[in-house]
Amino acid sequence: MRLTLEHLSKRFKHKIAVDRVNAELTEGIYGFLGANGAGKTTLMQMVCGILAPTAGEVKVDGKNNVAMGEEFRDLLGYLPQEFGYTPGFTAQEFMEYIASVKGLKPAFARQKTRELFALVNLEEEAGRKIRTLSGGMKRRLGIAQALLNDPKILILDEPTAGLDPKERAYFRNILSEMAKNKIILISTHIVSDIEYISDQVLIMKKGRLLRQGPAESLLPEVEGMVWSCRIPVREWPVFERGHNVVNSHNTGEAVEARVISPVRPCSQAEPCVPVLEDLYLYYFADEEGKK
């Protein structure tokens, strides 16, 4: 299966939310990485057919997604950034409702729900009202409903919102197992969500697709630009204002910092091996007022 985004654009009045995005995706995990407001959610909604593009189109094996109608919806699983639910439903009742909306046979839906509740660790919560579930449980329920029809195209918008670190790790493992026969799109601003599981990383900024490729193929862009520095505490405020600091740790007498800079930021700076977070901060530090 091949999912193609052709010159995909979306304009809202005077704002261009997505600007001429092109991509060709086959089975695997694709991490759309960008700061809030980069256009990721708008792009995901166009891929799902929720929003009509201003220009361009989405195709599945050469067919327009909207023109495919029910055939496309049968292929699709979607977890939106803002996941709506009926609080009076139990988790089980909610899954039954989603199954009816998707036109699934009751016997298949019941069996699939049992499998998915086991997968997302909600077996013991199946009979609980959704309003009594924690934020992480609700998010896991959202993941389960997205998988209910065994989709071939799975779109997850900020999927780990509300999950603790252990749940995030478990979620990444689940996705890795699924990726063999699905096209999975993950939209996130959290680097760790996609760093090790994505077959390709797609960096979006201000509606445009800046870079696409395996993480290791993108990192050479910041090769020789990542430094480890040790700055005296009294000098730190001035240093921090003038540099793109990835992270820092105050040891009492000095601040140990990881810095992105095209030139050596201080005389004692030592070069570091870049990671995906460094690349992210390189592109988005200006939105944090650091570049």
C-alpha atoms as a PDB file:
ATOM      1  CA  MET A   1       0.000   0.000   0.000  1.00  0.00           C
ATOM      2  CA  ARG A   2       1.171   3.512  -0.818  1.00  0.00           C
ATOM      3  CA  LEU A   3      -0.089   6.723   0.792  1.00  0.00           C
ATOM      4  CA  THR A   4       0.807   9.821  -1.240  1.00  0.00           C
ATOM      5  CA  LEU A   5       0.575  13.465  -0.238  1.00  0.00           C
ATOM      6  CA  GLU A   6       0.701  15.637  -3.355  1.00  0.00           C
ATOM      7  CA  HIS A   7       1.299  19.388  -2.999  1.00  0.00           C
ATOM      8  CA  LEU A   8      -0.982  19.330   0.024  1.00  0.00           C
ATOM      9  CA  SER A   9      -1.896  22.817   1.273  1.00  0.00           C
ATOM     10  CA  LYS A  10      -4.437  24.366   3.637  1.00  0.00           C
ATOM     11  CA  ARG A  11      -5.193  28.048   4.077  1.00  0.00           C
ATOM     12  CA  PHE A  12      -7.390  29.535   6.796  1.00  0.00           C
ATOM     13  CA  LYS A  13      -8.271  33.100   5.727  1.00  0.00           C
ATOM     14  CA  HIS A  14      -4.880  34.840   5.733  1.00  0.00           C
ATOM     15  CA  LYS A  15      -2.910  32.026   7.382  1.00  0.00           C
ATOM     16  CA  ILE A  16      -1.277  29.147   5.514  1.00  0.00           C
ATOM     17  CA  ALA A  17      -1.405  26.204   7.928  1.00  0.00           C
ATOM     18  CA  VAL A  18       0.078  23.617   5.552  1.00  0.00           C
ATOM     19  CA  ASP A  19       2.180  24.666   2.607  1.00  0.00           C
ATOM     20  CA  ARG A  20       2.726  22.350  -0.393  1.00  0.00           C
ATOM     21  CA  VAL A  21       3.647  19.172   1.477  1.00  0.00           C
ATOM     22  CA  ASN A  22       4.792  16.234  -0.636  1.00  0.00           C
ATOM     23  CA  ALA A  23       5.486  12.757   0.735  1.00  0.00           C
ATOM     24  CA  GLU A  24       5.182   9.143  -0.333  1.00  0.00           C
ATOM     25  CA  LEU A  25       4.649   6.627   2.456  1.00  0.00           C
ATOM     26  CA  THR A  26       4.580   2.833   2.515  1.00  0.00           C
ATOM     27  CA  GLU A  27       4.359   0.381   5.427  1.00  0.00           C
ATOM     28  CA  GLY A  28       6.271   1.650   8.438  1.00  0.00           C
ATOM     29  CA  ILE A  29       6.278   4.362  11.094  1.00  0.00           C
ATOM     30  CA  TYR A  30       6.539   8.015  10.121  1.00  0.00           C
ATOM     31  CA  GLY A  31       7.149  10.578  12.850  1.00  0.00           C
ATOM     32  CA  PHE A  32       5.927  14.074  11.999  1.00  0.00           C
ATOM     33  CA  LEU A  33       7.963  16.232  14.348  1.00  0.00           C
ATOM     34  CA  GLY A  34       7.368  19.915  14.945  1.00  0.00           C
ATOM     35  CA  ALA A  35       6.556  22.555  17.533  1.00  0.00           C
ATOM     36  CA  ASN A  36       2.964  23.383  18.424  1.00  0.00           C
ATOM     37  CA  GLY A  37       1.468  25.348  15.550  1.00  0.00           C
ATOM     38  CA  ALA A  38       3.690  23.757  12.908  1.00  0.00           C
ATOM     39  CA  GLY A  39       0.656  22.475  10.962  1.00  0.00           C
ATOM     40  CA  LYS A  40       0.872  18.828  12.018  1.00  0.00           C
ATOM     41  CA  THR A  41      -2.733  18.482  13.216  1.00  0.00           C
ATOM     42  CA  THR A  42      -4.105  20.204  10.110  1.00  0.00           C
ATOM     43  CA  LEU A  43      -2.065  17.845   7.945  1.00  0.00           C
ATOM     44  CA  MET A  44      -3.330  14.788   9.839  1.00  0.00           C
ATOM     45  CA  GLN A  45      -6.936  15.960   9.463  1.00  0.00           C
ATOM     46  CA  MET A  46      -6.503  16.352   5.703  1.00  0.00           C
ATOM     47  CA  VAL A  47      -5.013  12.870   5.438  1.00  0.00           C
ATOM     48  CA  CYS A  48      -8.040  11.536   7.353  1.00  0.00           C
ATOM     49  CA  GLY A  49     -10.468  13.410   5.102  1.00  0.00           C
ATOM     50  CA  ILE A  50     -11.816  15.542   7.962  1.00  0.00           C
ATOM     51  CA  LEU A  51     -10.523  18.742   6.369  1.00  0.00           C
ATOM     52  CA  ALA A  52     -10.607  19.461   2.658  1.00  0.00           C
ATOM     53  CA  PRO A  53      -7.291  20.757   1.322  1.00  0.00           C
ATOM     54  CA  THR A  54      -7.111  24.181  -0.273  1.00  0.00           C
ATOM     55  CA  ALA A  55      -4.831  22.623  -2.878  1.00  0.00           C
ATOM     56  CA  GLY A  56      -3.324  19.226  -3.560  1.00  0.00           C
ATOM     57  CA  GLU A  57      -4.676  15.823  -2.586  1.00  0.00           C
ATOM     58  CA  VAL A  58      -4.165  12.632  -0.618  1.00  0.00           C
ATOM     59  CA  LYS A  59      -4.044   9.351  -2.527  1.00  0.00           C
ATOM     60  CA  VAL A  60      -4.042   5.687  -1.577  1.00  0.00           C
ATOM     61  CA  ASP A  61      -2.536   3.561  -4.318  1.00  0.00           C
ATOM     62  CA  GLY A  62      -3.326   6.336  -6.779  1.00  0.00           C
ATOM     63  CA  LYS A  63      -6.940   6.892  -5.637  1.00  0.00           C
ATOM     64  CA  ASN A  64      -8.114  10.134  -4.025  1.00  0.00           C
ATOM     65  CA  ASN A  65      -8.922   9.492  -0.348  1.00  0.00           C
ATOM     66  CA  VAL A  66     -12.181  11.469  -0.362  1.00  0.00           C
ATOM     67  CA  ALA A  67     -13.393   9.895  -3.605  1.00  0.00           C
ATOM     68  CA  MET A  68     -12.749   6.444  -2.094  1.00  0.00           C
ATOM     69  CA  GLY A  69     -15.432   7.129   0.540  1.00  0.00           C
ATOM     70  CA  GLU A  70     -16.243   4.101   2.671  1.00  0.00           C
ATOM     71  CA  GLU A  71     -13.363   2.130   1.165  1.00  0.00           C
ATOM     72  CA  PHE A  72     -10.904   4.661   2.615  1.00  0.00           C
ATOM     73  CA  ARG A  73     -12.647   4.841   6.013  1.00  0.00           C
ATOM     74  CA  ASP A  74     -12.373   1.061   6.290  1.00  0.00           C
ATOM     75  CA  LEU A  75      -8.595   1.399   5.963  1.00  0.00           C
ATOM     76  CA  LEU A  76      -8.290   4.199   8.508  1.00  0.00           C
ATOM     77  CA  GLY A  77      -7.725   4.375  12.266  1.00  0.00           C
ATOM     78  CA  TYR A  78      -7.466   7.810  13.866  1.00  0.00           C
ATOM     79  CA  LEU A  79      -6.663   9.160  17.309  1.00  0.00           C
ATOM     80  CA  PRO A  80      -7.197  12.945  17.333  1.00  0.00           C
ATOM     81  CA  GLN A  81      -5.267  15.311  19.557  1.00  0.00           C
ATOM     82  CA  GLU A  82      -8.495  16.160  21.398  1.00  0.00           C
ATOM     83  CA  PHE A  83     -10.128  12.800  21.956  1.00  0.00           C
ATOM     84  CA  GLY A  84     -13.884  13.098  22.588  1.00  0.00           C
ATOM     85  CA  TYR A  85     -15.835  10.514  24.558  1.00  0.00           C
ATOM     86  CA  THR A  86     -19.202  10.065  26.250  1.00  0.00           C
ATOM     87  CA  PRO A  87     -18.438  10.163  29.995  1.00  0.00           C
ATOM     88  CA  GLY A  88     -21.554   8.155  30.915  1.00  0.00           C
ATOM     89  CA  PHE A  89     -20.367   5.185  28.853  1.00  0.00           C
ATOM     90  CA  THR A  90     -18.206   2.480  30.286  1.00  0.00           C
ATOM     91  CA  ALA A  91     -15.021   1.721  28.367  1.00  0.00           C
ATOM     92  CA  GLN A  92     -16.690  -1.420  26.983  1.00  0.00           C
ATOM     93  CA  GLU A  93     -19.827   0.466  25.928  1.00  0.00           C
ATOM     94  CA  PHE A  94     -17.739   3.104  24.226  1.00  0.00           C
ATOM     95  CA  MET A  95     -15.911   0.490  22.160  1.00  0.00           C
ATOM     96  CA  GLU A  96     -19.261  -1.066  21.197  1.00  0.00           C
ATOM     97  CA  TYR A  97     -20.495   2.351  20.112  1.00  0.00           C
ATOM     98  CA  ILE A  98     -17.389   2.976  17.983  1.00  0.00           C
ATOM     99  CA  ALA A  99     -17.779  -0.485  16.460  1.00  0.00           C
ATOM    100  CA  SER A 100     -21.361   0.300  15.417  1.00  0.00           C
ATOM    101  CA  VAL A 101     -20.260   3.624  13.881  1.00  0.00           C
ATOM    102  CA  LYS A 102     -17.581   1.775  11.912  1.00  0.00           C
ATOM    103  CA  GLY A 103     -20.079  -0.863  10.815  1.00  0.00           C
ATOM    104  CA  LEU A 104     -18.245  -3.763  12.441  1.00  0.00           C
ATOM    105  CA  LYS A 105     -20.011  -7.042  13.156  1.00  0.00           C
ATOM    106  CA  PRO A 106     -20.808  -7.408  16.894  1.00  0.00           C
ATOM    107  CA  ALA A 107     -18.992 -10.735  17.317  1.00  0.00           C
ATOM    108  CA  PHE A 108     -15.841  -9.382  15.656  1.00  0.00           C
ATOM    109  CA  ALA A 109     -16.048  -6.161  17.688  1.00  0.00           C
ATOM    110  CA  ARG A 110     -16.354  -8.013  21.005  1.00  0.00           C
ATOM    111  CA  GLN A 111     -13.379 -10.246  20.237  1.00  0.00           C
ATOM    112  CA  LYS A 112     -11.305  -7.343  18.957  1.00  0.00           C
ATOM    113  CA  THR A 113     -12.175  -5.246  22.007  1.00  0.00           C
ATOM    114  CA  ARG A 114     -10.951  -7.990  24.336  1.00  0.00           C
ATOM    115  CA  GLU A 115      -7.684  -8.213  22.397  1.00  0.00           C
ATOM    116  CA  LEU A 116      -7.195  -4.448  22.390  1.00  0.00           C
ATOM    117  CA  PHE A 117      -7.982  -3.993  26.072  1.00  0.00           C
ATOM    118  CA  ALA A 118      -5.326  -6.606  26.785  1.00  0.00           C
ATOM    119  CA  LEU A 119      -2.937  -4.809  24.436  1.00  0.00           C
ATOM    120  CA  VAL A 120      -3.380  -1.378  26.092  1.00  0.00           C
ATOM    121  CA  ASN A 121      -3.718  -2.803  29.591  1.00  0.00           C
ATOM    122  CA  LEU A 122      -7.348  -1.813  30.198  1.00  0.00           C
ATOM    123  CA  GLU A 123      -8.840  -5.251  30.877  1.00  0.00           C
ATOM    124  CA  GLU A 124      -9.689  -4.435  34.483  1.00  0.00           C
ATOM    125  CA  GLU A 125     -11.198  -1.064  33.532  1.00  0.00           C
ATOM    126  CA  ALA A 126     -13.607  -2.344  30.847  1.00  0.00           C
ATOM    127  CA  GLY A 127     -16.646  -1.912  33.111  1.00  0.00           C
ATOM    128  CA  ARG A 128     -15.691   1.486  34.522  1.00  0.00           C
ATOM    129  CA  LYS A 129     -17.363   4.725  33.482  1.00  0.00           C
ATOM    130  CA  ILE A 130     -15.042   6.753  31.276  1.00  0.00           C
ATOM    131  CA  ARG A 131     -15.403   9.794  33.551  1.00  0.00           C
ATOM    132  CA  THR A 132     -13.724   7.813  36.348  1.00  0.00           C
ATOM    133  CA  LEU A 133     -10.659   6.887  34.275  1.00  0.00           C
ATOM    134  CA  SER A 134      -7.354   8.706  34.615  1.00  0.00           C
ATOM    135  CA  GLY A 135      -6.021  10.833  31.760  1.00  0.00           C
ATOM    136  CA  GLY A 136      -3.591   8.093  30.786  1.00  0.00           C
ATOM    137  CA  MET A 137      -6.354   5.457  30.769  1.00  0.00           C
ATOM    138  CA  LYS A 138      -8.536   7.650  28.556  1.00  0.00           C
ATOM    139  CA  ARG A 139      -5.635   8.076  26.148  1.00  0.00           C
ATOM    140  CA  ARG A 140      -5.098   4.306  26.054  1.00  0.00           C
ATOM    141  CA  LEU A 141      -8.830   3.886  25.358  1.00  0.00           C
ATOM    142  CA  GLY A 142      -8.405   6.316  22.465  1.00  0.00           C
ATOM    143  CA  ILE A 143      -5.579   4.218  21.091  1.00  0.00           C
ATOM    144  CA  ALA A 144      -7.739   1.086  21.388  1.00  0.00           C
ATOM    145  CA  GLN A 145     -10.669   2.629  19.483  1.00  0.00           C
ATOM    146  CA  ALA A 146      -8.314   3.726  16.696  1.00  0.00           C
ATOM    147  CA  LEU A 147      -7.258   0.098  16.242  1.00  0.00           C
ATOM    148  CA  LEU A 148     -10.727  -1.436  16.451  1.00  0.00           C
ATOM    149  CA  ASN A 149     -11.196  -1.984  12.714  1.00  0.00           C
ATOM    150  CA  ASP A 150      -7.625  -3.310  12.273  1.00  0.00           C
ATOM    151  CA  PRO A 151      -6.689  -0.314  10.096  1.00  0.00           C
ATOM    152  CA  LYS A 152      -4.023  -0.380   7.430  1.00  0.00           C
ATOM    153  CA  ILE A 153      -3.450   3.362   7.862  1.00  0.00           C
ATOM    154  CA  LEU A 154      -3.130   4.482  11.484  1.00  0.00           C
ATOM    155  CA  ILE A 155      -2.927   8.199  12.291  1.00  0.00           C
ATOM    156  CA  LEU A 156      -2.044   9.275  15.825  1.00  0.00           C
ATOM    157  CA  ASP A 157      -2.024  12.985  16.705  1.00  0.00           C
ATOM    158  CA  GLU A 158      -0.003  13.653  19.897  1.00  0.00           C
ATOM    159  CA  PRO A 159      -0.752  10.079  21.033  1.00  0.00           C
ATOM    160  CA  THR A 160       1.202  10.111  24.307  1.00  0.00           C
ATOM    161  CA  ALA A 161      -0.477  13.186  25.820  1.00  0.00           C
ATOM    162  CA  GLY A 162      -1.345  12.269  29.401  1.00  0.00           C
ATOM    163  CA  LEU A 163       0.776   9.113  29.484  1.00  0.00           C
ATOM    164  CA  ASP A 164       3.494   8.657  32.089  1.00  0.00           C
ATOM    165  CA  PRO A 165       7.027   7.599  31.001  1.00  0.00           C
ATOM    166  CA  LYS A 166       6.318   3.899  31.573  1.00  0.00           C
ATOM    167  CA  GLU A 167       3.111   4.076  29.521  1.00  0.00           C
ATOM    168  CA  ARG A 168       4.943   5.940  26.763  1.00  0.00           C
ATOM    169  CA  ALA A 169       7.596   3.250  26.552  1.00  0.00           C
ATOM    170  CA  TYR A 170       4.921   0.541  26.461  1.00  0.00           C
ATOM    171  CA  PHE A 171       3.054   2.447  23.742  1.00  0.00           C
ATOM    172  CA  ARG A 172       6.194   2.717  21.591  1.00  0.00           C
ATOM    173  CA  ASN A 173       6.727  -1.025  21.877  1.00  0.00           C
ATOM    174  CA  ILE A 174       3.143  -1.647  20.727  1.00  0.00           C
ATOM    175  CA  LEU A 175       3.616   0.525  17.664  1.00  0.00           C
ATOM    176  CA  SER A 176       6.887  -1.159  16.761  1.00  0.00           C
ATOM    177  CA  GLU A 177       5.118  -4.518  16.675  1.00  0.00           C
ATOM    178  CA  MET A 178       2.309  -3.160  14.478  1.00  0.00           C
ATOM    179  CA  ALA A 179       4.465  -1.445  11.872  1.00  0.00           C
ATOM    180  CA  LYS A 180       5.078  -4.512   9.724  1.00  0.00           C
ATOM    181  CA  ASN A 181       1.782  -4.272   7.815  1.00  0.00           C
ATOM    182  CA  LYS A 182       0.540  -0.752   8.500  1.00  0.00           C
ATOM    183  CA  ILE A 183       1.313   2.810   7.516  1.00  0.00           C
ATOM    184  CA  ILE A 184       1.560   4.632  10.852  1.00  0.00           C
ATOM    185  CA  LEU A 185       1.710   8.418  11.070  1.00  0.00           C
ATOM    186  CA  ILE A 186       2.593   9.926  14.444  1.00  0.00           C
ATOM    187  CA  SER A 187       2.312  13.672  14.952  1.00  0.00           C
ATOM    188  CA  THR A 188       4.224  14.935  17.975  1.00  0.00           C
ATOM    189  CA  HIS A 189       6.485  17.613  19.439  1.00  0.00           C
ATOM    190  CA  ILE A 190       8.016  15.078  21.843  1.00  0.00           C
ATOM    191  CA  VAL A 191      11.254  13.784  20.338  1.00  0.00           C
ATOM    192  CA  SER A 192      11.406  10.632  22.461  1.00  0.00           C
ATOM    193  CA  ASP A 193       8.039   9.465  21.073  1.00  0.00           C
ATOM    194  CA  ILE A 194       9.549   8.801  17.666  1.00  0.00           C
ATOM    195  CA  GLU A 195      13.333   8.857  18.015  1.00  0.00           C
ATOM    196  CA  TYR A 196      13.876   5.094  18.105  1.00  0.00           C
ATOM    197  CA  ILE A 197      10.755   3.664  16.471  1.00  0.00           C
ATOM    198  CA  SER A 198      10.307   5.812  13.349  1.00  0.00           C
ATOM    199  CA  ASP A 199      11.467   4.489  10.014  1.00  0.00           C
ATOM    200  CA  GLN A 200      11.440   8.094   8.850  1.00  0.00           C
ATOM    201  CA  VAL A 201      11.277  11.461  10.603  1.00  0.00           C
ATOM    202  CA  LEU A 202       9.499  14.332   8.873  1.00  0.00           C
ATOM    203  CA  ILE A 203      10.288  17.751  10.340  1.00  0.00           C
ATOM    204  CA  MET A 204       7.552  20.362   9.930  1.00  0.00           C
ATOM    205  CA  LYS A 205       7.847  24.070  10.645  1.00  0.00           C
ATOM    206  CA  LYS A 206       5.314  26.788   9.892  1.00  0.00           C
ATOM    207  CA  GLY A 207       3.357  24.501   7.593  1.00  0.00           C
ATOM    208  CA  ARG A 208       6.301  23.341   5.518  1.00  0.00           C
ATOM    209  CA  LEU A 209       8.049  20.001   5.397  1.00  0.00           C
ATOM    210  CA  LEU A 210      11.707  20.873   5.972  1.00  0.00           C
ATOM    211  CA  ARG A 211      13.380  17.471   6.080  1.00  0.00           C
ATOM    212  CA  GLN A 212      12.430  13.823   5.657  1.00  0.00           C
ATOM    213  CA  GLY A 213      14.433  10.664   6.170  1.00  0.00           C
ATOM    214  CA  PRO A 214      15.703   8.148   8.719  1.00  0.00           C
ATOM    215  CA  ALA A 215      16.905   9.941  11.844  1.00  0.00           C
ATOM    216  CA  GLU A 216      20.498   8.879  11.267  1.00  0.00           C
ATOM    217  CA  SER A 217      20.449  10.433   7.792  1.00  0.00           C
ATOM    218  CA  LEU A 218      19.280  13.802   9.187  1.00  0.00           C
ATOM    219  CA  LEU A 219      21.767  14.117  12.047  1.00  0.00           C
ATOM    220  CA  PRO A 220      24.825  15.019   9.911  1.00  0.00           C
ATOM    221  CA  GLU A 221      23.201  18.427   9.453  1.00  0.00           C
ATOM    222  CA  VAL A 222      24.192  19.301  13.033  1.00  0.00           C
ATOM    223  CA  GLU A 223      27.474  17.362  13.024  1.00  0.00           C
ATOM    224  CA  GLY A 224      30.171  19.539  14.585  1.00  0.00           C
ATOM    225  CA  MET A 225      27.577  21.908  16.057  1.00  0.00           C
ATOM    226  CA  VAL A 226      26.817  20.180  19.375  1.00  0.00           C
ATOM    227  CA  TRP A 227      29.039  21.011  22.352  1.00  0.00           C
ATOM    228  CA  SER A 228      29.482  20.221  26.010  1.00  0.00           C
ATOM    229  CA  CYS A 229      30.393  23.289  28.068  1.00  0.00           C
ATOM    230  CA  ARG A 230      31.207  24.028  31.691  1.00  0.00           C
ATOM    231  CA  ILE A 231      30.407  27.648  32.537  1.00  0.00           C
ATOM    232  CA  PRO A 232      31.067  29.391  35.882  1.00  0.00           C
ATOM    233  CA  VAL A 233      27.791  30.181  37.646  1.00  0.00           C
ATOM    234  CA  ARG A 234      28.436  33.927  37.651  1.00  0.00           C
ATOM    235  CA  GLU A 235      28.848  33.884  33.847  1.00  0.00           C
ATOM    236  CA  TRP A 236      25.858  31.634  33.144  1.00  0.00           C
ATOM    237  CA  PRO A 237      23.027  34.227  32.740  1.00  0.00           C
ATOM    238  CA  VAL A 238      24.915  36.049  29.979  1.00  0.00           C
ATOM    239  CA  PHE A 239      26.034  32.804  28.326  1.00  0.00           C
ATOM    240  CA  GLU A 240      22.511  31.327  28.346  1.00  0.00           C
ATOM    241  CA  ARG A 241      20.987  34.398  26.713  1.00  0.00           C
ATOM    242  CA  GLY A 242      23.492  34.255  23.884  1.00  0.00           C
ATOM    243  CA  HIS A 243      23.429  30.545  23.065  1.00  0.00           C
ATOM    244  CA  ASN A 244      21.086  27.759  22.004  1.00  0.00           C
ATOM    245  CA  VAL A 245      21.131  25.576  25.137  1.00  0.00           C
ATOM    246  CA  VAL A 246      19.672  22.081  24.812  1.00  0.00           C
ATOM    247  CA  ASN A 247      19.914  21.296  28.522  1.00  0.00           C
ATOM    248  CA  SER A 248      21.904  22.357  31.564  1.00  0.00           C
ATOM    249  CA  HIS A 249      22.772  21.274  35.098  1.00  0.00           C
ATOM    250  CA  ASN A 250      23.943  23.557  37.897  1.00  0.00           C
ATOM    251  CA  THR A 251      26.593  21.781  39.980  1.00  0.00           C
ATOM    252  CA  GLY A 252      27.024  24.652  42.437  1.00  0.00           C
ATOM    253  CA  GLU A 253      30.212  26.244  41.163  1.00  0.00           C
ATOM    254  CA  ALA A 254      29.510  25.814  37.451  1.00  0.00           C
ATOM    255  CA  VAL A 255      26.768  24.976  34.970  1.00  0.00           C
ATOM    256  CA  GLU A 256      27.308  21.982  32.710  1.00  0.00           C
ATOM    257  CA  ALA A 257      25.467  22.584  29.442  1.00  0.00           C
ATOM    258  CA  ARG A 258      24.808  20.987  26.070  1.00  0.00           C
ATOM    259  CA  VAL A 259      24.867  23.706  23.441  1.00  0.00           C
ATOM    260  CA  ILE A 260      24.158  23.935  19.712  1.00  0.00           C
ATOM    261  CA  SER A 261      26.467  26.380  17.975  1.00  0.00           C
ATOM    262  CA  PRO A 262      28.114  26.557  14.527  1.00  0.00           C
ATOM    263  CA  VAL A 263      31.290  27.752  16.270  1.00  0.00           C
ATOM    264  CA  ARG A 264      32.944  26.686  19.511  1.00  0.00           C
ATOM    265  CA  PRO A 265      30.816  28.453  22.168  1.00  0.00           C
ATOM    266  CA  CYS A 266      33.540  28.660  24.818  1.00  0.00           C
ATOM    267  CA  SER A 267      37.229  27.867  25.057  1.00  0.00           C
ATOM    268  CA  GLN A 268      36.647  24.668  27.071  1.00  0.00           C
ATOM    269  CA  ALA A 269      33.841  23.334  24.844  1.00  0.00           C
ATOM    270  CA  GLU A 270      34.071  19.673  23.805  1.00  0.00           C
ATOM    271  CA  PRO A 271      32.270  18.298  20.721  1.00  0.00           C
ATOM    272  CA  CYS A 272      29.369  15.859  21.250  1.00  0.00           C
ATOM    273  CA  VAL A 273      27.739  13.229  19.065  1.00  0.00           C
ATOM    274  CA  PRO A 274      24.395  14.732  17.919  1.00  0.00           C
ATOM    275  CA  VAL A 275      21.035  13.120  18.663  1.00  0.00           C
ATOM    276  CA  LEU A 276      17.550  13.883  17.309  1.00  0.00           C
ATOM    277  CA  GLU A 277      16.753  16.308  20.127  1.00  0.00           C
ATOM    278  CA  ASP A 278      19.717  18.421  19.057  1.00  0.00           C
ATOM    279  CA  LEU A 279      18.371  18.581  15.509  1.00  0.00           C
ATOM    280  CA  TYR A 280      14.933  19.535  16.820  1.00  0.00           C
ATOM    281  CA  LEU A 281      16.347  22.381  18.938  1.00  0.00           C
ATOM    282  CA  TYR A 282      18.458  23.519  15.984  1.00  0.00           C
ATOM    283  CA  TYR A 283      15.301  24.035  13.921  1.00  0.00           C
ATOM    284  CA  PHE A 284      12.934  25.258  16.616  1.00  0.00           C
ATOM    285  CA  ALA A 285      15.078  27.264  19.037  1.00  0.00           C
ATOM    286  CA  ASP A 286      13.876  30.496  17.404  1.00  0.00           C
ATOM    287  CA  GLU A 287      10.357  29.666  18.589  1.00  0.00           C
ATOM    288  CA  GLU A 288      11.761  29.491  22.112  1.00  0.00           C
ATOM    289  CA  GLY A 289      13.495  32.838  21.701  1.00  0.00           C
ATOM    290  CA  LYS A 290      16.962  31.278  21.618  1.00  0.00           C
ATOM    291  CA  LYS A 291      17.978  31.561  17.997  1.00  0.00           C
END
